[in-house]
Amino acid sequence: MMLQQLSLFLENKPGHLSSACRTLGEFGIDILTLSLADTQQFGILRLIVQDPVAAKAKLETVGYTVRLTEVVAVEIEDRPGGLADLLTLLNDKGLNVEYMYAFSYRSHGRALMIFRFDDTKMGCDVLIASGAKVLPENEVLTLIRN
């Protein structure tokens, strides 16, 4: 039930983000969703792509520092308080959300969020036990293709 996410470390300078995205495009790698966090000197570009292992290998061949990380895709109710309710559940179980970001998908009153937990397996277990819809990688990719 976990997804592989790419994390690219980029210098926080003009052109570095566009260069990384262009490189992915030149290798035929489609970006499904992304998040960018920065400090004054560097940024971390987090990406969900269709073939993260191949993408990692290709990016490393041209000099990028890349790491694969396990994250979880969860459908939540797309309503005021929907995310807060889910976060309260996670908090009540002692889970720490290291970071999260929205997936560019909305359907039938549902939104899709990507979560990175301090304990990914426990995060999946808690979400599934609560009845949350945790999406496997193949279902996430199918959503994007349709």
Foldseek 3Di string as FASTA:
>chain_A
DKAKKKKWKFFPDPPGVVVLVVQCVVVVKDFQDWDWDDDNTIIIIITGIDDVVVSCVSVVVVPIDMDIDIKWKWKWFQDVCGVVVVVVLCVVVVKDFPDKDWGPDDDDRITIMITDIPDRVVVVVSCVVVVIDIDDPVVSVVRSVD
